[in-house]
């Protein structure tokens, strides 16, 4: 279980916690900024235009993160307010994963700059390497076309037959099975 890292490797444990909280908060904020750009003021009206992780992730998600290493976040949006329902949904849904991809690239660039300038700070190198790995994994994970993930919203707008799975419990069931498998979770 993830919590055992607190005892066996507390530095790793704290790094993962910090990286995930920051990355998911920024991911959700990116959805909110994209929603505002598409004409939806819901994120602003519901107080979600903040970096506060409790707003985006909630206390249960933060507890699950510390205990099991599993977490989630949410941004309040109203797709009916998008100027273009199809493209607005694609843009808003893609904003979070693209933010994670960008964070991963920025971490790699920081590592390259550190090597180039001969900054031999091992702690910084390890932190930014882990941050890059976490963010690239968040990018790939969120693009899976499984409801309720962002990838499902993007792909269901492009391939409308997928919309029939929206609200289906199968997506959550698949995700639970993946996380319960020791090789993947």
N, C-alpha and C. Protein backbone atom coordinates (compact mmCIF):
# COMPACT_ATOMS: atom_id res chain seq x y z
N UNK A 1 0.83 -1.17 0.00
CA UNK A 1 0.00 0.00 0.00
C UNK A 1 0.89 1.25 0.00
N UNK A 2 0.38 2.30 -0.60
CA UNK A 2 1.13 3.54 -0.77
C UNK A 2 1.59 4.12 0.56
N UNK A 3 0.77 4.00 1.58
CA UNK A 3 1.08 4.58 2.89
C UNK A 3 2.37 4.03 3.49
N UNK A 4 2.74 2.80 3.12
CA UNK A 4 3.98 2.21 3.65
C UNK A 4 5.21 3.01 3.22
N UNK A 5 5.11 3.74 2.10
CA UNK A 5 6.22 4.59 1.66
C UNK A 5 6.53 5.69 2.68
N UNK A 6 5.52 6.07 3.48
CA UNK A 6 5.76 7.09 4.50
C UNK A 6 6.83 6.63 5.48
N UNK A 7 6.86 5.32 5.75
CA UNK A 7 7.85 4.76 6.68
C UNK A 7 9.12 4.34 5.94
N UNK A 8 8.95 3.64 4.80
CA UNK A 8 10.11 3.09 4.09
C UNK A 8 10.88 4.14 3.29
N UNK A 9 10.17 5.11 2.73
CA UNK A 9 10.82 6.14 1.92
C UNK A 9 10.02 7.44 2.04
N UNK A 10 10.13 8.13 3.18
CA UNK A 10 9.30 9.31 3.41
C UNK A 10 9.55 10.45 2.41
N UNK A 11 10.77 10.59 1.92
CA UNK A 11 11.05 11.65 0.95
C UNK A 11 10.28 11.39 -0.34
N UNK A 12 10.31 10.15 -0.83
CA UNK A 12 9.55 9.78 -2.02
C UNK A 12 8.06 10.03 -1.79
N UNK A 13 7.55 9.58 -0.64
CA UNK A 13 6.14 9.74 -0.29
C UNK A 13 5.73 11.21 -0.37
N UNK A 14 6.49 12.08 0.27
CA UNK A 14 6.15 13.51 0.29
C UNK A 14 6.28 14.14 -1.10
N UNK A 15 7.28 13.72 -1.85
CA UNK A 15 7.43 14.25 -3.22
C UNK A 15 6.22 13.90 -4.07
N UNK A 16 5.80 12.64 -4.02
CA UNK A 16 4.64 12.21 -4.81
C UNK A 16 3.40 12.99 -4.40
N UNK A 17 3.20 13.14 -3.10
CA UNK A 17 2.03 13.88 -2.60
C UNK A 17 2.05 15.32 -3.14
N UNK A 18 3.18 16.00 -2.99
CA UNK A 18 3.28 17.40 -3.44
C UNK A 18 3.09 17.49 -4.95
N UNK A 19 3.75 16.63 -5.70
CA UNK A 19 3.66 16.67 -7.16
C UNK A 19 2.23 16.43 -7.62
N UNK A 20 1.57 15.43 -7.05
CA UNK A 20 0.19 15.13 -7.46
C UNK A 20 -0.77 16.26 -7.08
N UNK A 21 -0.63 16.81 -5.90
CA UNK A 21 -1.53 17.90 -5.50
C UNK A 21 -1.36 19.10 -6.42
N UNK A 22 -0.12 19.50 -6.68
CA UNK A 22 0.13 20.65 -7.56
C UNK A 22 -0.34 20.34 -8.98
N UNK A 23 0.01 19.16 -9.50
CA UNK A 23 -0.32 18.81 -10.88
C UNK A 23 -1.82 18.71 -11.10
N UNK A 24 -2.53 18.10 -10.16
CA UNK A 24 -3.98 17.95 -10.33
C UNK A 24 -4.68 19.30 -10.14
N UNK A 25 -4.22 20.11 -9.22
CA UNK A 25 -4.82 21.44 -9.04
C UNK A 25 -4.65 22.28 -10.30
N UNK A 26 -3.45 22.26 -10.89
CA UNK A 26 -3.22 22.99 -12.13
C UNK A 26 -4.01 22.39 -13.29
N UNK A 27 -4.12 21.07 -13.34
CA UNK A 27 -4.90 20.36 -14.36
C UNK A 27 -6.35 20.86 -14.33
N UNK A 28 -6.93 20.88 -13.13
CA UNK A 28 -8.33 21.31 -13.00
C UNK A 28 -8.48 22.79 -13.30
N UNK A 29 -7.52 23.60 -12.88
CA UNK A 29 -7.57 25.02 -13.18
C UNK A 29 -7.50 25.26 -14.69
N UNK A 30 -6.74 24.44 -15.41
CA UNK A 30 -6.67 24.54 -16.87
C UNK A 30 -8.04 24.28 -17.49
N UNK A 31 -8.78 23.29 -16.95
CA UNK A 31 -10.15 23.06 -17.43
C UNK A 31 -11.00 24.32 -17.21
N UNK A 32 -10.85 24.94 -16.04
CA UNK A 32 -11.63 26.13 -15.73
C UNK A 32 -11.31 27.30 -16.65
N UNK A 33 -10.03 27.52 -16.90
CA UNK A 33 -9.62 28.60 -17.81
C UNK A 33 -10.16 28.34 -19.21
N UNK A 34 -10.08 27.09 -19.65
CA UNK A 34 -10.61 26.74 -20.97
C UNK A 34 -12.12 26.93 -21.02
N UNK A 35 -12.82 26.55 -19.95
CA UNK A 35 -14.28 26.73 -19.92
C UNK A 35 -14.65 28.21 -20.01
N UNK A 36 -13.92 29.04 -19.27
CA UNK A 36 -14.18 30.49 -19.35
C UNK A 36 -13.96 30.99 -20.77
N UNK A 37 -12.90 30.49 -21.43
CA UNK A 37 -12.61 30.92 -22.81
C UNK A 37 -13.69 30.47 -23.79
N UNK A 38 -14.46 29.46 -23.41
CA UNK A 38 -15.52 28.94 -24.28
C UNK A 38 -16.90 29.49 -23.91
N UNK A 39 -16.93 30.45 -22.98
CA UNK A 39 -18.18 31.12 -22.65
C UNK A 39 -18.89 30.61 -21.41
N UNK A 40 -18.30 29.66 -20.70
CA UNK A 40 -18.91 29.11 -19.49
C UNK A 40 -18.32 29.79 -18.25
N UNK A 41 -19.18 30.48 -17.51
CA UNK A 41 -18.71 31.17 -16.30
C UNK A 41 -18.91 30.33 -15.04
N UNK A 42 -19.32 29.08 -15.18
CA UNK A 42 -19.58 28.21 -14.03
C UNK A 42 -18.36 28.06 -13.12
N UNK A 43 -17.14 27.85 -13.65
CA UNK A 43 -15.99 27.72 -12.74
C UNK A 43 -15.81 28.94 -11.84
N UNK A 44 -16.06 30.11 -12.39
CA UNK A 44 -15.91 31.33 -11.60
C UNK A 44 -17.03 31.46 -10.57
N UNK A 45 -18.26 31.17 -11.00
CA UNK A 45 -19.41 31.30 -10.10
C UNK A 45 -19.36 30.30 -8.95
N UNK A 46 -18.75 29.13 -9.18
CA UNK A 46 -18.70 28.11 -8.13
C UNK A 46 -17.43 28.19 -7.29
N UNK A 47 -16.59 29.20 -7.54
CA UNK A 47 -15.38 29.39 -6.75
C UNK A 47 -14.26 28.43 -7.07
N UNK A 48 -14.27 27.86 -8.28
CA UNK A 48 -13.25 26.89 -8.67
C UNK A 48 -12.03 27.51 -9.36
N UNK A 49 -12.03 28.82 -9.57
CA UNK A 49 -10.88 29.45 -10.21
C UNK A 49 -9.84 29.81 -9.15
N UNK A 50 -9.28 28.78 -8.56
CA UNK A 50 -8.32 28.92 -7.47
C UNK A 50 -7.31 27.79 -7.56
N UNK A 51 -6.18 27.96 -6.90
CA UNK A 51 -5.19 26.88 -6.81
C UNK A 51 -5.39 26.03 -5.57
N UNK A 52 -6.41 26.32 -4.78
CA UNK A 52 -6.68 25.58 -3.55
C UNK A 52 -7.00 24.11 -3.87
N UNK A 53 -6.16 23.17 -3.47
CA UNK A 53 -6.40 21.76 -3.79
C UNK A 53 -7.66 21.19 -3.14
N UNK A 54 -8.08 21.75 -2.02
CA UNK A 54 -9.30 21.25 -1.37
C UNK A 54 -10.51 21.53 -2.26
N UNK A 55 -10.49 22.65 -2.97
CA UNK A 55 -11.60 22.99 -3.87
C UNK A 55 -11.64 22.02 -5.04
N UNK A 56 -10.48 21.71 -5.62
CA UNK A 56 -10.43 20.86 -6.81
C UNK A 56 -10.49 19.37 -6.50
N UNK A 57 -9.89 18.98 -5.39
CA UNK A 57 -9.76 17.55 -5.10
C UNK A 57 -10.70 17.10 -3.99
N UNK A 58 -10.96 17.94 -3.04
CA UNK A 58 -11.81 17.58 -1.92
C UNK A 58 -11.04 16.79 -0.87
N UNK A 59 -11.54 16.81 0.34
CA UNK A 59 -10.88 16.13 1.45
C UNK A 59 -10.81 14.62 1.23
N UNK A 60 -11.90 13.95 0.78
CA UNK A 60 -11.80 12.49 0.57
C UNK A 60 -10.70 12.11 -0.42
N UNK A 61 -10.57 12.88 -1.50
CA UNK A 61 -9.54 12.60 -2.50
C UNK A 61 -8.14 12.78 -1.91
N UNK A 62 -7.95 13.80 -1.10
CA UNK A 62 -6.65 14.03 -0.47
C UNK A 62 -6.32 12.93 0.53
N UNK A 63 -7.32 12.43 1.24
CA UNK A 63 -7.10 11.31 2.16
C UNK A 63 -6.73 10.05 1.39
N UNK A 64 -7.48 9.77 0.31
CA UNK A 64 -7.17 8.60 -0.53
C UNK A 64 -5.76 8.71 -1.09
N UNK A 65 -5.35 9.91 -1.47
CA UNK A 65 -4.00 10.11 -1.99
C UNK A 65 -2.95 9.71 -0.95
N UNK A 66 -3.12 10.17 0.26
CA UNK A 66 -2.14 9.87 1.31
C UNK A 66 -2.14 8.40 1.72
N UNK A 67 -3.29 7.76 1.69
CA UNK A 67 -3.40 6.38 2.15
C UNK A 67 -3.11 5.38 1.02
N UNK A 68 -3.71 5.60 -0.15
CA UNK A 68 -3.64 4.61 -1.21
C UNK A 68 -2.89 5.07 -2.46
N UNK A 69 -2.54 6.35 -2.54
CA UNK A 69 -1.86 6.84 -3.73
C UNK A 69 -2.80 7.03 -4.91
N UNK A 70 -4.10 7.00 -4.64
CA UNK A 70 -5.12 7.21 -5.68
C UNK A 70 -5.83 8.51 -5.37
N UNK A 71 -6.03 9.32 -6.38
CA UNK A 71 -6.67 10.61 -6.16
C UNK A 71 -7.42 11.05 -7.41
N UNK A 72 -8.19 12.09 -7.29
CA UNK A 72 -8.96 12.60 -8.40
C UNK A 72 -9.24 14.08 -8.15
N UNK A 73 -9.72 14.73 -9.17
CA UNK A 73 -10.09 16.14 -9.06
C UNK A 73 -11.28 16.41 -9.96
N UNK A 74 -11.88 17.58 -9.78
CA UNK A 74 -13.04 17.93 -10.60
C UNK A 74 -13.11 19.45 -10.76
N UNK A 75 -13.61 19.85 -11.90
CA UNK A 75 -13.87 21.26 -12.18
C UNK A 75 -15.33 21.37 -12.60
N UNK A 76 -16.05 22.28 -11.98
CA UNK A 76 -17.45 22.49 -12.34
C UNK A 76 -17.52 23.25 -13.65
N UNK A 77 -18.10 22.61 -14.66
CA UNK A 77 -18.34 23.26 -15.95
C UNK A 77 -19.75 22.92 -16.40
N UNK A 78 -20.28 23.76 -17.29
CA UNK A 78 -21.60 23.53 -17.86
C UNK A 78 -21.48 23.58 -19.37
N UNK A 79 -21.37 22.40 -20.03
CA UNK A 79 -21.17 22.36 -21.48
C UNK A 79 -22.27 23.05 -22.28
N UNK A 80 -23.46 23.21 -21.70
CA UNK A 80 -24.53 23.89 -22.44
C UNK A 80 -24.24 25.38 -22.62
N UNK A 81 -23.29 25.91 -21.86
CA UNK A 81 -22.91 27.32 -21.98
C UNK A 81 -21.78 27.55 -22.98
N UNK A 82 -21.17 26.48 -23.48
CA UNK A 82 -20.08 26.64 -24.45
C UNK A 82 -20.63 27.26 -25.73
N UNK A 83 -19.88 28.16 -26.34
CA UNK A 83 -20.30 28.77 -27.60
C UNK A 83 -20.50 27.70 -28.68
N UNK A 84 -19.62 26.74 -28.72
CA UNK A 84 -19.75 25.59 -29.63
C UNK A 84 -19.73 24.35 -28.76
N UNK A 85 -20.89 23.69 -28.59
CA UNK A 85 -20.92 22.53 -27.68
C UNK A 85 -19.87 21.47 -27.99
N UNK A 86 -19.72 21.11 -29.27
CA UNK A 86 -18.77 20.06 -29.63
C UNK A 86 -17.33 20.50 -29.38
N UNK A 87 -16.92 21.61 -30.00
CA UNK A 87 -15.53 22.04 -29.90
C UNK A 87 -15.21 22.59 -28.51
N UNK A 88 -16.19 23.19 -27.87
CA UNK A 88 -15.98 23.65 -26.50
C UNK A 88 -15.67 22.49 -25.57
N UNK A 89 -16.42 21.40 -25.71
CA UNK A 89 -16.19 20.22 -24.88
C UNK A 89 -14.82 19.62 -25.15
N UNK A 90 -14.43 19.59 -26.42
CA UNK A 90 -13.10 19.06 -26.78
C UNK A 90 -12.00 19.94 -26.17
N UNK A 91 -12.13 21.25 -26.33
CA UNK A 91 -11.11 22.17 -25.83
C UNK A 91 -11.00 22.10 -24.31
N UNK A 92 -12.14 22.14 -23.63
CA UNK A 92 -12.14 22.11 -22.16
C UNK A 92 -11.61 20.78 -21.65
N UNK A 93 -12.03 19.68 -22.27
CA UNK A 93 -11.58 18.36 -21.82
C UNK A 93 -10.10 18.15 -22.08
N UNK A 94 -9.60 18.66 -23.19
CA UNK A 94 -8.19 18.47 -23.54
C UNK A 94 -7.26 19.39 -22.74
N UNK A 95 -7.78 20.46 -22.18
CA UNK A 95 -6.94 21.44 -21.49
C UNK A 95 -6.17 20.84 -20.32
N UNK A 96 -6.81 20.00 -19.53
CA UNK A 96 -6.15 19.40 -18.37
C UNK A 96 -4.99 18.50 -18.75
N UNK A 97 -5.24 17.50 -19.62
CA UNK A 97 -4.13 16.64 -20.04
C UNK A 97 -3.00 17.42 -20.73
N UNK A 98 -3.37 18.42 -21.54
CA UNK A 98 -2.32 19.21 -22.20
C UNK A 98 -1.49 19.99 -21.19
N UNK A 99 -2.12 20.42 -20.11
CA UNK A 99 -1.37 21.09 -19.05
C UNK A 99 -0.38 20.12 -18.42
N UNK A 100 -0.81 18.86 -18.18
CA UNK A 100 0.11 17.87 -17.60
C UNK A 100 1.27 17.58 -18.55
N UNK A 101 0.99 17.50 -19.84
CA UNK A 101 2.04 17.28 -20.83
C UNK A 101 3.03 18.45 -20.79
N UNK A 102 2.50 19.66 -20.73
CA UNK A 102 3.35 20.86 -20.67
C UNK A 102 4.20 20.87 -19.41
N UNK A 103 3.61 20.51 -18.27
CA UNK A 103 4.39 20.43 -17.03
C UNK A 103 5.51 19.40 -17.14
N UNK A 104 5.22 18.27 -17.77
CA UNK A 104 6.24 17.24 -17.98
C UNK A 104 7.40 17.77 -18.82
N UNK A 105 7.06 18.48 -19.89
CA UNK A 105 8.10 19.07 -20.76
C UNK A 105 8.91 20.11 -19.99
N UNK A 106 8.23 20.96 -19.22
CA UNK A 106 8.94 21.97 -18.43
C UNK A 106 9.89 21.34 -17.42
N UNK A 107 9.47 20.24 -16.82
CA UNK A 107 10.36 19.53 -15.88
C UNK A 107 11.59 18.99 -16.60
N UNK A 108 11.39 18.42 -17.78
CA UNK A 108 12.53 17.91 -18.55
C UNK A 108 13.46 19.04 -18.97
N UNK A 109 12.88 20.17 -19.36
CA UNK A 109 13.71 21.33 -19.73
C UNK A 109 14.51 21.83 -18.53
N UNK A 110 13.90 21.83 -17.36
CA UNK A 110 14.61 22.24 -16.14
C UNK A 110 15.79 21.30 -15.87
N UNK A 111 15.55 20.00 -16.05
CA UNK A 111 16.62 19.01 -15.86
C UNK A 111 17.75 19.27 -16.85
N UNK A 112 17.39 19.50 -18.12
CA UNK A 112 18.41 19.77 -19.14
C UNK A 112 19.20 21.04 -18.81
N UNK A 113 18.50 22.08 -18.38
CA UNK A 113 19.17 23.32 -18.00
C UNK A 113 20.11 23.08 -16.82
N UNK A 114 19.66 22.30 -15.86
CA UNK A 114 20.50 21.99 -14.69
C UNK A 114 21.77 21.26 -15.10
N UNK A 115 21.64 20.32 -16.02
CA UNK A 115 22.81 19.57 -16.51
C UNK A 115 23.73 20.51 -17.28
N UNK A 116 23.14 21.33 -18.15
CA UNK A 116 23.92 22.26 -18.96
C UNK A 116 24.70 23.25 -18.10
N UNK A 117 24.07 23.75 -17.04
CA UNK A 117 24.73 24.73 -16.17
C UNK A 117 25.54 24.07 -15.06
N UNK A 118 25.61 22.74 -15.11
CA UNK A 118 26.39 21.96 -14.16
C UNK A 118 25.93 22.15 -12.71
N UNK A 119 24.62 22.26 -12.54
CA UNK A 119 24.05 22.30 -11.19
C UNK A 119 23.92 20.86 -10.73
N UNK A 120 24.76 20.44 -9.87
CA UNK A 120 24.77 19.04 -9.44
C UNK A 120 23.89 18.83 -8.21
N UNK A 121 22.70 19.33 -8.27
CA UNK A 121 21.75 19.21 -7.18
C UNK A 121 20.93 17.94 -7.39
N UNK A 122 21.32 16.87 -6.71
CA UNK A 122 20.68 15.56 -6.88
C UNK A 122 19.21 15.62 -6.48
N UNK A 123 18.92 16.31 -5.39
CA UNK A 123 17.54 16.40 -4.90
C UNK A 123 16.64 17.03 -5.95
N UNK A 124 17.09 18.11 -6.54
CA UNK A 124 16.31 18.80 -7.58
C UNK A 124 16.13 17.89 -8.80
N UNK A 125 17.22 17.22 -9.20
CA UNK A 125 17.15 16.31 -10.35
C UNK A 125 16.13 15.21 -10.10
N UNK A 126 16.17 14.59 -8.92
CA UNK A 126 15.23 13.51 -8.60
C UNK A 126 13.80 14.02 -8.55
N UNK A 127 13.59 15.20 -7.96
CA UNK A 127 12.25 15.76 -7.85
C UNK A 127 11.66 16.04 -9.22
N UNK A 128 12.42 16.72 -10.08
CA UNK A 128 11.90 17.09 -11.39
C UNK A 128 11.77 15.88 -12.32
N UNK A 129 12.61 14.88 -12.14
CA UNK A 129 12.44 13.63 -12.90
C UNK A 129 11.13 12.96 -12.50
N UNK A 130 10.88 12.86 -11.21
CA UNK A 130 9.64 12.27 -10.72
C UNK A 130 8.44 13.10 -11.18
N UNK A 131 8.55 14.42 -11.12
CA UNK A 131 7.46 15.30 -11.56
C UNK A 131 7.17 15.11 -13.05
N UNK A 132 8.21 14.95 -13.86
CA UNK A 132 8.01 14.71 -15.29
C UNK A 132 7.29 13.38 -15.51
N UNK A 133 7.74 12.34 -14.82
CA UNK A 133 7.12 11.01 -14.96
C UNK A 133 5.66 11.06 -14.54
N UNK A 134 5.38 11.67 -13.40
CA UNK A 134 4.00 11.76 -12.90
C UNK A 134 3.13 12.51 -13.90
N UNK A 135 3.61 13.63 -14.41
CA UNK A 135 2.79 14.43 -15.33
C UNK A 135 2.59 13.76 -16.68
N UNK A 136 3.59 13.08 -17.19
CA UNK A 136 3.38 12.34 -18.44
C UNK A 136 2.40 11.19 -18.23
N UNK A 137 2.45 10.55 -17.07
CA UNK A 137 1.48 9.50 -16.76
C UNK A 137 0.07 10.06 -16.60
N UNK A 138 -0.06 11.22 -15.96
CA UNK A 138 -1.37 11.86 -15.85
C UNK A 138 -1.91 12.22 -17.23
N UNK A 139 -1.03 12.71 -18.10
CA UNK A 139 -1.42 13.04 -19.47
C UNK A 139 -1.98 11.80 -20.18
N UNK A 140 -1.23 10.71 -20.16
CA UNK A 140 -1.66 9.49 -20.84
C UNK A 140 -2.91 8.89 -20.20
N UNK A 141 -2.94 8.83 -18.88
CA UNK A 141 -4.08 8.26 -18.17
C UNK A 141 -5.37 9.03 -18.48
N UNK A 142 -5.29 10.35 -18.43
CA UNK A 142 -6.49 11.15 -18.66
C UNK A 142 -6.97 11.12 -20.10
N UNK A 143 -6.13 10.69 -21.03
CA UNK A 143 -6.56 10.59 -22.42
C UNK A 143 -7.21 9.24 -22.75
N UNK A 144 -7.26 8.33 -21.79
CA UNK A 144 -7.95 7.06 -22.04
C UNK A 144 -9.42 7.35 -22.34
N UNK A 145 -9.97 6.73 -23.38
CA UNK A 145 -11.38 7.00 -23.72
C UNK A 145 -12.36 6.20 -22.85
N UNK A 146 -12.22 6.37 -21.54
CA UNK A 146 -13.06 5.67 -20.57
C UNK A 146 -13.79 6.73 -19.76
N UNK A 147 -15.14 6.64 -19.69
CA UNK A 147 -15.83 7.62 -18.84
C UNK A 147 -15.45 7.40 -17.38
N UNK A 148 -15.22 8.39 -16.63
CA UNK A 148 -15.45 9.83 -16.81
C UNK A 148 -14.18 10.61 -17.17
N UNK A 149 -13.16 9.96 -17.69
CA UNK A 149 -11.88 10.62 -17.97
C UNK A 149 -12.01 11.63 -19.11
N UNK A 150 -11.06 12.56 -19.17
CA UNK A 150 -11.07 13.61 -20.19
C UNK A 150 -11.03 13.04 -21.60
N UNK A 151 -10.27 11.98 -21.79
CA UNK A 151 -10.17 11.36 -23.11
C UNK A 151 -11.51 10.89 -23.63
N UNK A 152 -12.36 10.41 -22.73
CA UNK A 152 -13.70 9.99 -23.16
C UNK A 152 -14.47 11.17 -23.74
N UNK A 153 -14.39 12.33 -23.09
CA UNK A 153 -15.12 13.50 -23.57
C UNK A 153 -14.59 13.96 -24.93
N UNK A 154 -13.27 13.92 -25.10
CA UNK A 154 -12.68 14.31 -26.39
C UNK A 154 -13.11 13.33 -27.47
N UNK A 155 -12.88 12.03 -27.23
CA UNK A 155 -13.17 11.03 -28.26
C UNK A 155 -14.66 10.86 -28.52
N UNK A 156 -15.51 11.06 -27.50
CA UNK A 156 -16.95 10.91 -27.74
C UNK A 156 -17.49 12.06 -28.58
N UNK A 157 -16.83 13.20 -28.56
CA UNK A 157 -17.23 14.30 -29.45
C UNK A 157 -16.78 14.02 -30.89
N UNK A 158 -15.66 13.34 -31.03
CA UNK A 158 -15.14 13.03 -32.37
C UNK A 158 -15.78 11.77 -32.95
N UNK A 159 -16.12 10.82 -32.10
CA UNK A 159 -16.75 9.55 -32.51
C UNK A 159 -18.04 9.41 -31.71
N UNK A 160 -19.12 9.98 -32.24
CA UNK A 160 -20.36 10.10 -31.47
C UNK A 160 -20.95 8.78 -30.96
N UNK A 161 -20.69 7.60 -31.59
CA UNK A 161 -21.24 6.38 -30.98
C UNK A 161 -20.74 6.12 -29.56
N UNK A 162 -19.59 6.68 -29.20
CA UNK A 162 -19.07 6.51 -27.84
C UNK A 162 -19.96 7.18 -26.80
N UNK A 163 -20.74 8.18 -27.21
CA UNK A 163 -21.58 8.91 -26.25
C UNK A 163 -22.58 7.99 -25.55
N UNK A 164 -22.89 6.86 -26.17
CA UNK A 164 -23.84 5.94 -25.54
C UNK A 164 -23.29 5.35 -24.24
N UNK A 165 -21.97 5.43 -24.04
CA UNK A 165 -21.36 4.92 -22.81
C UNK A 165 -21.29 5.97 -21.70
N UNK A 166 -21.67 7.22 -22.02
CA UNK A 166 -21.61 8.28 -21.01
C UNK A 166 -22.57 7.94 -19.87
N UNK A 167 -22.09 8.08 -18.66
CA UNK A 167 -22.90 7.74 -17.50
C UNK A 167 -22.93 6.27 -17.20
N UNK A 168 -22.26 5.47 -18.01
CA UNK A 168 -22.22 4.03 -17.81
C UNK A 168 -21.30 3.68 -16.64
N UNK A 169 -21.69 2.70 -15.83
CA UNK A 169 -20.82 2.31 -14.72
C UNK A 169 -19.60 1.51 -15.17
N UNK A 170 -19.57 1.11 -16.45
CA UNK A 170 -18.47 0.28 -16.93
C UNK A 170 -17.13 1.00 -16.88
N UNK A 171 -17.12 2.29 -17.13
CA UNK A 171 -15.87 3.04 -17.09
C UNK A 171 -15.24 3.00 -15.71
N UNK A 172 -16.03 3.26 -14.69
CA UNK A 172 -15.51 3.21 -13.32
C UNK A 172 -15.10 1.79 -12.94
N UNK A 173 -15.86 0.81 -13.42
CA UNK A 173 -15.52 -0.59 -13.14
C UNK A 173 -14.17 -0.94 -13.76
N UNK A 174 -13.94 -0.53 -14.99
CA UNK A 174 -12.66 -0.78 -15.66
C UNK A 174 -11.52 -0.11 -14.89
N UNK A 175 -11.73 1.13 -14.48
CA UNK A 175 -10.69 1.85 -13.73
C UNK A 175 -10.41 1.17 -12.39
N UNK A 176 -11.45 0.71 -11.71
CA UNK A 176 -11.25 0.01 -10.44
C UNK A 176 -10.47 -1.28 -10.64
N UNK A 177 -10.78 -2.03 -11.70
CA UNK A 177 -10.06 -3.27 -11.97
C UNK A 177 -8.59 -3.01 -12.28
N UNK A 178 -8.33 -1.94 -13.01
CA UNK A 178 -6.94 -1.59 -13.33
C UNK A 178 -6.18 -1.26 -12.05
N UNK A 179 -6.77 -0.45 -11.18
CA UNK A 179 -6.08 -0.05 -9.95
C UNK A 179 -5.96 -1.18 -8.95
N UNK A 180 -6.85 -2.17 -9.01
CA UNK A 180 -6.78 -3.30 -8.09
C UNK A 180 -5.73 -4.32 -8.53
N UNK A 181 -5.33 -4.28 -9.80
CA UNK A 181 -4.32 -5.18 -10.32
C UNK A 181 -2.95 -4.69 -9.84
N UNK A 182 -2.21 -5.52 -9.10
CA UNK A 182 -0.91 -5.07 -8.56
C UNK A 182 0.08 -4.62 -9.63
N UNK A 183 -0.05 -5.11 -10.85
CA UNK A 183 0.89 -4.71 -11.90
C UNK A 183 0.64 -3.29 -12.38
N UNK A 184 -0.60 -2.82 -12.26
CA UNK A 184 -0.94 -1.49 -12.78
C UNK A 184 -1.18 -0.47 -11.68
N UNK A 185 -1.81 -0.87 -10.59
CA UNK A 185 -2.19 0.07 -9.52
C UNK A 185 -1.03 0.32 -8.66
